[in-house]
Amino acid sequence: MDQFLDGKHKLTIQTRARSAEDYMPGFGNDFETEALPGALPQGQNSPQNCAYGLYAEQLSGTPFTAPRGQNERTWCYRIRPSVRHSTRYEKIELPYWKTAPNINDDIISLGQYRWNPLPIEDSPTTFLTGMKTMTTAGDVNTQTGMAAHVYIVTESMEDEYFYSADSEMLIVPQQGKLRFCTELGIIDLQPQEIAIIPRGMVIRVEVLSGPARGFVCENYSSKFDLPNRGPIGANCLANPRDFKTPVAAFEDREIPSRMVVKWCGAFHASTIDQSPLDVVAWHGNYAPCKYDLRTFSPVGAILFDHPDPSIYTVLTAPSWFAGTANIDFILFRDRWNVAEHTFRPPWYHKNIMSELMGNIHGIYDAKPEGFVPGGMSLHNMMLPHGPDKEAFEAATTVNLEPSKLENTMSFMFETRFPQHLTEFAAFDAQLQTDYIDCWASLEKNFSGKP
């Protein structure tokens, strides 16, 4: 048998040598796993009587009639059905967690913005109370767009659970280590890894090494998928085998707990008499997963010119317009630069997409100063941006030998929608008010001569 969690959240090993670090490889696979022998029905999904007196319950990530290749669902065999709760839902406030549309006419979102890392404050915060929204885009009511958040977590959720009916969540740690106890198993997450928590998936988040800080992309639209590689072919970028889905683990705990649900931007809480993480076995293709960003295999130019940054796409959430994503998650990690006769950093440009970047660690080549680990920047749609003067001068004067960018890892949440600042991002976060000065010293080099 695999594993179960006892009443104090401790892992109890049964007869098979399995631990919380056990995962199943593959992206979007149809998995099956059981924490007790024979708990998973064979040959059917909903038997008249499930083994161990379990309840069969389906979690659907797509409409029932979605095309077969896009249809996502998981059958769960749990101690109690998730519908059981002892009090009605009541609204609660998480004042720093905002949802699109969140447009305030007093907040000007037009401009190039950059923020220093959010400080770790003395007051204790959990994954819920420590979530602060920086930007929102689209409309959760029409299931389009996204929101970008920063989390500061100093303490574990105790007898408290959460799920979002609004979105799947892409979690990008920057410091500290968290444990995501989910209905379908355990994910331990640290910097240079990411996790995807599907819409509707119940979680409890614990601090393994803190304080923890990181970024969250809340995706209201179609779920993240691997991008088509086109002429690249079958290999490189993010390979499916490097995504890891947890094996089954369950809690059999009867203790008053709180369930928090995010629905259409509002938060609601109900009392339950037991842990909802009581799935003893499951099978399906709608499940959480983690991915080690260090396994991303970048490709690039090996003769001249700078390819589009799309070649660094790890995950994409498509929109209804072909080639125009609801969200792209793009990674800039260690890589070689070898292009001849080429300005190697990202060029100056205006983009139909809105770009929010975060720095996980190291130095970003287009902004050697000011864009620090834990920091963020926002370049909204059709606002020009590009290298600062230092990066420009270095790139135009350097001897173009093969060189390797090392100790660098930054990412981008890119969306087809304009990203609107929250009040927190505009007035309370560590906004660098002098950010646009990094381009002020760019000089006129035009001579009128070839």
Foldseek 3Di string as FASTA:
>chain_A
DEWAAEQVRDIDGDDDPHDQPDWAFFALDWDWFFQDPQQQDPPDQADPAGPPRWHKDKDWQDPPPDPPVQGFMKIFTFRDDPVDFDDDKDFDDLPQDFEPPPDDPVFDLPDKWKFDFFDADPDADAQRNQKHWFWWWDFLVVLFAKTKIKGWHDFWDDLEKEFEQQFKKKWAWQAFWKWKLWLAGIDIDGHQKIKIGGHPIMTTMGGPTDRTMTMMIGHRHADKDFDDPPPVPDDAFDHGRQKTFTHGYAYWFFQWGKYWYQDRGTIIIGIHGTDSSGGRIMTIRNGMIMGRNVPHGADFDQEAEGDDQVSQFNIFADDPDPPATSKTKGKDAKDKDQYPPYLYFDDKDAALKKKKKAWSWDARLQERPDRHHNMMIIDWHRRIDTRFPVSRVCSVPPDRHIDIDHTGMMIIIIHSTTIGGDPCNRPPGRMDPCVVVSRVPDDDPDDVDD
